[in-house]
Protein backbone atom coordinates (compact mmCIF):
# COMPACT_ATOMS: atom_id res chain seq x y z
CA MET A 1 30.81 28.16 -37.99
CA LEU A 2 31.26 24.61 -36.66
CA SER A 3 33.12 25.95 -33.63
CA LEU A 4 30.28 28.41 -32.92
CA TYR A 5 27.73 25.54 -33.23
CA LYS A 6 29.69 23.44 -30.74
CA LYS A 7 29.88 26.32 -28.28
CA THR A 8 26.16 26.97 -28.61
CA LEU A 9 25.38 23.30 -28.11
CA ALA A 10 27.60 23.16 -25.04
CA VAL A 11 25.84 26.17 -23.53
CA CYS A 12 22.44 24.59 -24.20
CA VAL A 13 23.52 21.36 -22.55
CA MET A 14 24.80 23.27 -19.52
CA VAL A 15 21.55 25.23 -19.24
CA PHE A 16 19.50 22.03 -19.60
CA CYS A 17 21.52 20.29 -16.89
CA ALA A 18 21.19 23.28 -14.61
CA VAL A 19 17.44 23.40 -15.11
CA THR A 20 16.92 19.68 -14.63
CA GLY A 21 19.28 19.68 -11.69
CA SER A 22 17.34 22.47 -10.00
CA ALA A 23 14.12 20.60 -10.72
CA GLU A 24 15.48 17.66 -8.75
CA VAL A 25 16.03 19.98 -5.79
CA THR A 26 12.84 22.01 -5.97
CA VAL A 27 10.30 19.16 -6.34
CA LYS A 28 8.18 19.12 -3.21
CA PRO A 29 8.26 15.93 -1.15
CA ILE A 30 5.25 13.63 -1.33
CA LYS A 31 3.27 14.20 1.85
CA VAL A 32 2.22 10.89 3.35
CA LEU A 33 -0.06 10.19 6.30
CA LEU A 34 0.56 6.78 7.87
CA VAL A 35 -2.43 5.71 9.99
CA ILE A 36 -1.35 2.80 12.16
CA GLY A 37 -2.28 0.96 15.34
CA GLY A 38 -4.59 -1.57 16.88
CA CYS A 39 -4.71 -5.28 17.40
CA CYS A 40 -2.33 -8.11 16.79
CA HIS A 41 0.87 -6.48 15.53
CA ASP A 42 3.94 -4.65 16.80
CA TYR A 43 2.88 -1.31 15.40
CA ALA A 44 5.17 0.60 17.77
CA THR A 45 8.08 -0.85 15.80
CA GLN A 46 6.45 -1.09 12.38
CA LYS A 47 5.47 2.58 12.24
CA ASP A 48 9.13 3.57 12.36
CA LEU A 49 10.20 0.82 9.95
CA LEU A 50 7.70 2.11 7.41
CA LYS A 51 8.43 5.80 7.89
CA ASN A 52 12.20 5.38 7.76
CA GLY A 53 12.04 2.88 4.91
CA ILE A 54 9.90 5.09 2.70
CA GLU A 55 11.78 8.30 3.43
CA ALA A 56 15.10 6.57 2.72
CA ARG A 57 13.89 5.50 -0.73
CA ILE A 58 11.98 8.45 -2.14
CA ASN A 59 11.45 12.17 -1.77
CA ALA A 60 8.65 11.93 0.78
CA THR A 61 7.79 13.01 4.29
CA VAL A 62 5.76 10.56 6.37
CA GLU A 63 3.59 11.86 9.19
CA ILE A 64 2.36 9.22 11.62
CA ALA A 65 -1.08 8.99 13.22
CA TYR A 66 -0.51 6.25 15.79
CA ASN A 67 -2.96 4.71 18.25
CA ASP A 68 -1.15 2.56 20.79
CA THR A 69 -4.19 0.52 21.78
CA LYS A 70 -3.74 -3.25 21.52
CA GLY A 71 -7.43 -3.88 20.89
CA THR A 72 -9.61 -4.09 17.80
CA LYS A 73 -11.16 -0.63 18.22
CA PRO A 74 -8.46 1.93 17.48
CA VAL A 75 -10.10 5.27 16.69
CA PHE A 76 -8.12 8.08 15.11
CA ASP A 77 -8.95 11.72 15.81
CA ALA A 78 -7.72 12.70 12.35
CA TYR A 79 -10.54 10.73 10.73
CA LYS A 80 -13.20 12.71 12.60
CA LYS A 81 -12.44 15.97 10.80
CA PRO A 82 -14.45 16.82 7.66
CA ASN A 83 -11.40 17.44 5.44
CA TRP A 84 -8.99 15.19 7.29
CA ALA A 85 -6.93 14.18 4.24
CA ASP A 86 -6.55 17.56 2.53
CA ALA A 87 -3.00 18.20 3.73
CA TYR A 88 -1.62 14.96 2.29
CA ASP A 89 -0.91 13.48 -1.11
CA VAL A 90 -1.58 9.88 -0.09
CA ILE A 91 -2.84 7.96 2.92
CA ILE A 92 -1.33 4.68 4.13
CA HIS A 93 -3.93 2.60 5.98
CA ASP A 94 -2.14 0.21 8.33
CA GLU A 95 -4.69 0.10 11.12
CA CYS A 96 -6.14 -3.12 12.53
CA ALA A 97 -9.67 -2.02 13.42
CA ALA A 98 -11.89 -5.06 13.00
CA ASP A 99 -14.49 -3.93 15.52
CA VAL A 100 -14.80 -0.27 14.59
CA ILE A 101 -18.28 -0.47 13.09
CA GLU A 102 -19.69 3.07 13.07
CA PRO A 103 -20.79 3.66 9.45
CA ALA A 104 -20.59 7.47 9.67
CA TYR A 105 -16.98 7.32 10.91
CA VAL A 106 -16.00 4.90 8.14
CA GLU A 107 -17.84 6.91 5.48
CA ASN A 108 -15.87 10.00 6.45
CA ILE A 109 -12.67 8.04 5.81
CA LEU A 110 -13.92 6.78 2.48
CA LYS A 111 -15.18 10.15 1.28
CA ALA A 112 -11.62 11.42 1.00
CA HIS A 113 -10.74 8.52 -1.29
CA ARG A 114 -13.92 8.79 -3.35
CA ASP A 115 -13.04 12.45 -3.85
CA GLY A 116 -9.63 11.51 -5.23
CA LYS A 117 -7.16 10.98 -2.38
CA PRO A 118 -4.94 7.97 -3.18
CA ALA A 119 -4.50 5.17 -0.66
CA VAL A 120 -2.04 2.42 0.18
CA ASN A 121 -3.60 -0.39 2.21
CA LEU A 122 -1.34 -2.70 4.18
CA HIS A 123 -2.04 -6.07 5.80
CA CYS A 124 -4.68 -5.74 8.55
CA ALA A 125 -6.32 -2.77 6.86
CA MET A 126 -8.04 -5.50 4.85
CA HIS A 127 -9.64 -6.85 8.04
CA SER A 128 -10.83 -3.50 9.37
CA TYR A 129 -14.23 -1.75 9.48
CA ARG A 130 -16.36 -4.84 8.99
CA TRP A 131 -19.81 -5.56 10.30
CA GLY A 132 -22.93 -7.48 9.41
CA ASN A 133 -22.43 -10.85 7.75
CA TYR A 134 -18.93 -9.94 6.63
CA LYS A 135 -17.72 -13.55 6.55
CA GLU A 136 -19.82 -14.05 3.44
CA PRO A 137 -19.24 -12.16 0.18
CA VAL A 138 -20.69 -8.70 0.65
CA MET A 139 -23.31 -7.24 -1.67
CA GLU A 140 -21.96 -4.27 -3.59
CA GLY A 141 -23.54 -0.99 -2.57
CA THR A 142 -24.47 -2.03 0.97
CA ASP A 143 -22.86 -0.08 3.79
CA ASN A 144 -20.77 -3.01 5.02
CA ALA A 145 -19.32 -3.40 1.52
CA HIS A 146 -18.01 0.15 1.15
CA TRP A 147 -14.63 -0.43 2.81
CA PHE A 148 -13.99 -3.55 0.74
CA GLU A 149 -15.00 -1.68 -2.42
CA MET A 150 -12.31 0.91 -1.75
CA ILE A 151 -9.73 -1.80 -1.10
CA GLY A 152 -10.86 -3.81 -4.12
CA LEU A 153 -10.89 -7.21 -2.46
CA GLN A 154 -12.73 -8.73 0.50
CA SER A 155 -10.81 -10.95 2.89
CA THR A 156 -12.25 -12.51 6.04
CA GLY A 157 -9.33 -14.36 7.58
CA HIS A 158 -5.94 -15.94 7.17
CA GLY A 159 -4.21 -19.28 7.39
CA PRO A 160 -1.48 -20.42 9.77
CA LYS A 161 1.58 -18.33 10.49
CA LEU A 162 3.96 -19.83 7.97
CA ALA A 163 6.35 -18.64 5.31
CA LEU A 164 4.78 -17.38 2.08
CA ASP A 165 6.17 -18.05 -1.37
CA ILE A 166 5.74 -14.75 -3.18
CA SER A 167 5.30 -14.65 -6.97
CA PHE A 168 5.48 -11.36 -8.87
CA PHE A 169 3.54 -12.87 -11.75
CA ASN A 170 2.36 -9.59 -13.30
CA GLN A 171 5.47 -8.01 -14.77
CA GLU A 172 3.47 -5.57 -16.90
CA SER A 173 2.90 -3.20 -14.00
CA PRO A 174 5.68 -0.74 -13.15
CA ILE A 175 5.10 -1.67 -9.50
CA THR A 176 6.36 -5.20 -10.06
CA LYS A 177 8.57 -4.80 -13.13
CA GLY A 178 11.89 -6.54 -12.56
CA LEU A 179 11.07 -7.72 -9.03
CA THR A 180 11.97 -11.33 -8.31
CA ASP A 181 10.10 -13.97 -6.34
CA TRP A 182 11.05 -14.57 -2.73
CA THR A 183 10.00 -16.44 0.38
CA THR A 184 9.04 -14.56 3.53
CA VAL A 185 10.04 -15.33 7.10
CA PRO A 186 8.13 -18.30 8.61
CA ASN A 187 5.67 -16.10 10.47
CA GLU A 188 3.53 -14.52 7.76
CA GLU A 189 -0.19 -14.82 7.10
CA LEU A 190 -1.91 -15.68 3.83
CA TYR A 191 -5.16 -13.71 3.66
CA ASN A 192 -8.03 -15.39 1.87
CA ASN A 193 -9.86 -13.87 -1.12
CA VAL A 194 -13.61 -14.07 -0.50
CA LYS A 195 -14.73 -11.50 -3.06
CA ILE A 196 -12.68 -9.84 -5.76
CA PHE A 197 -13.86 -6.57 -7.26
CA GLN A 198 -12.46 -4.82 -10.36
CA ILE A 199 -8.74 -5.04 -9.63
CA THR A 200 -5.43 -5.60 -11.35
CA PRO A 201 -3.73 -8.50 -9.53
CA LEU A 202 0.02 -8.11 -9.17
CA VAL A 203 1.36 -10.71 -6.77
CA SER A 204 0.28 -14.09 -5.49
CA GLY A 205 1.31 -15.88 -2.32
CA SER A 206 1.15 -19.53 -1.41
CA GLN A 207 1.65 -21.77 1.61
CA MET A 208 1.89 -25.50 2.13
CA VAL A 209 -0.75 -26.13 4.78
CA LYS A 210 -1.13 -29.46 6.57
CA ASP A 211 -4.67 -30.83 6.83
CA LYS A 212 -5.48 -31.29 10.52
CA LYS A 213 -7.35 -34.54 9.93
CA THR A 214 -5.26 -36.30 7.31
CA GLY A 215 -1.86 -34.72 7.85
CA VAL A 216 -1.55 -34.22 4.10
CA GLU A 217 0.00 -30.94 2.95
CA ASN A 218 -1.87 -28.92 0.35
CA LYS A 219 -0.85 -25.78 -1.49
CA VAL A 220 -3.07 -22.81 -0.67
CA GLU A 221 -2.78 -19.76 -2.90
CA ALA A 222 -4.26 -16.24 -2.93
CA ILE A 223 -3.74 -12.81 -4.44
CA VAL A 224 -1.62 -10.81 -2.00
CA ALA A 225 -1.14 -7.50 -3.86
CA TRP A 226 -3.17 -5.57 -6.42
CA THR A 227 -4.28 -2.16 -7.63
CA ASN A 228 -7.70 -0.74 -8.38
CA LEU A 229 -9.33 2.50 -9.47
CA TYR A 230 -11.90 3.54 -6.90
CA GLY A 231 -15.09 5.54 -7.20
CA PRO A 232 -16.17 8.22 -9.67
CA THR A 233 -12.74 9.88 -9.66
CA LYS A 234 -10.94 6.59 -10.40
CA THR A 235 -8.73 7.13 -7.37
CA ARG A 236 -5.55 5.08 -7.45
CA ILE A 237 -5.48 2.45 -4.70
CA PHE A 238 -2.60 0.03 -4.02
CA SER A 239 -3.05 -2.80 -1.53
CA THR A 240 -1.08 -5.72 -0.16
CA THR A 241 -1.93 -8.23 2.53
CA LEU A 242 1.77 -8.77 3.24
CA GLY A 243 3.32 -7.30 6.37
CA HIS A 244 2.45 -9.27 9.50
CA ASP A 245 5.91 -9.88 10.95
CA ASN A 246 8.42 -7.16 11.81
CA LYS A 247 11.09 -8.99 9.80
CA THR A 248 8.90 -8.80 6.70
CA VAL A 249 8.20 -5.10 7.20
CA ALA A 250 11.92 -4.46 7.69
CA ASP A 251 12.90 -6.48 4.61
CA ASP A 252 14.33 -4.31 1.84
CA ARG A 253 12.31 -6.28 -0.72
CA TYR A 254 9.07 -5.44 1.08
CA LEU A 255 9.96 -1.77 1.53
CA ASP A 256 11.04 -1.46 -2.11
CA PHE A 257 7.75 -3.00 -3.20
CA ILE A 258 5.36 -0.91 -1.12
CA THR A 259 7.30 2.25 -1.95
CA ARG A 260 6.72 1.53 -5.63
CA GLY A 261 3.04 1.05 -4.85
CA LEU A 262 2.97 4.40 -3.08
CA LEU A 263 4.65 6.13 -6.03
CA TRP A 264 2.17 4.52 -8.41
CA SER A 265 -0.75 5.71 -6.28
CA VAL A 266 0.33 9.36 -6.67
CA ASN A 267 1.26 8.81 -10.35
CA ARG A 268 4.97 9.38 -9.79
CA LEU A 269 6.27 5.95 -10.84
CA GLY A 270 7.88 5.60 -14.24
CA PRO A 271 7.08 2.70 -16.59
CA ASP A 272 10.48 1.20 -15.69
CA GLY A 273 9.55 0.96 -12.02
CA LYS A 274 11.74 3.89 -11.02
CA PRO A 275 10.63 7.18 -9.43
CA GLU A 276 10.00 10.10 -11.75
CA ALA A 277 12.65 12.83 -11.75
CA GLY A 278 12.86 14.56 -8.41
CA TYR A 279 11.13 11.80 -6.45
CA GLY A 280 13.99 9.34 -6.04
CA LYS A 281 16.87 9.46 -3.60
CA LYS A 282 20.43 9.85 -4.90
């Protein structure tokens, strides 16, 4: 009887392994649209760093919508379609479009996220689609506040290009669990926090900035990564202002971090900070 039990158990284990093994193979890749281009950054290089970095880490395919303009008005044909985001699981916004100010165009972007499409917002996405008196805290509900409401935080500018000391102070989130503090290359930008909406802060950054008049160095600190739940569908949004310099974008620590944020946005990140079964890379 004991021998029969052992044989039965062994068969069950083999069947379970076969099933779970096939599940690893048959899980469909996460379909990602990376929208990238515009002013002030080497997007020609960064688009490939991001695509290759994400695809090397998780079961995902990254499609790129790239505008090679160097100005502040990159317009993307994909955004003009009514159901532009339907084919994707998540959108990465990495455009630098400060002077794209057509409300109808921006509202068509935002509609996809209000309807439930997750987003990952990187660096200059925070300084895009702004008009009116955007250097002051926006009033919630006004049309020039809508982009910031999706992001969860309003930023209007950045400090000098210096290294940032990064602190993963919120270790409760699976996005940051186990990640250790680090210092970026000496060419990053600390974005200010002018208005903070309902967010969960994850990471802070700080710089020692010298006062131009007195020469005294002061520590300047800001939130540099966070999550929020956007709109009536509580769409998952992950954002970070990090990612100015190519060396930062190519850094394994940065790519590990934003990939976790992406997995969280599509609800495929385990509580231990690891991809759910079928979404990691062996």
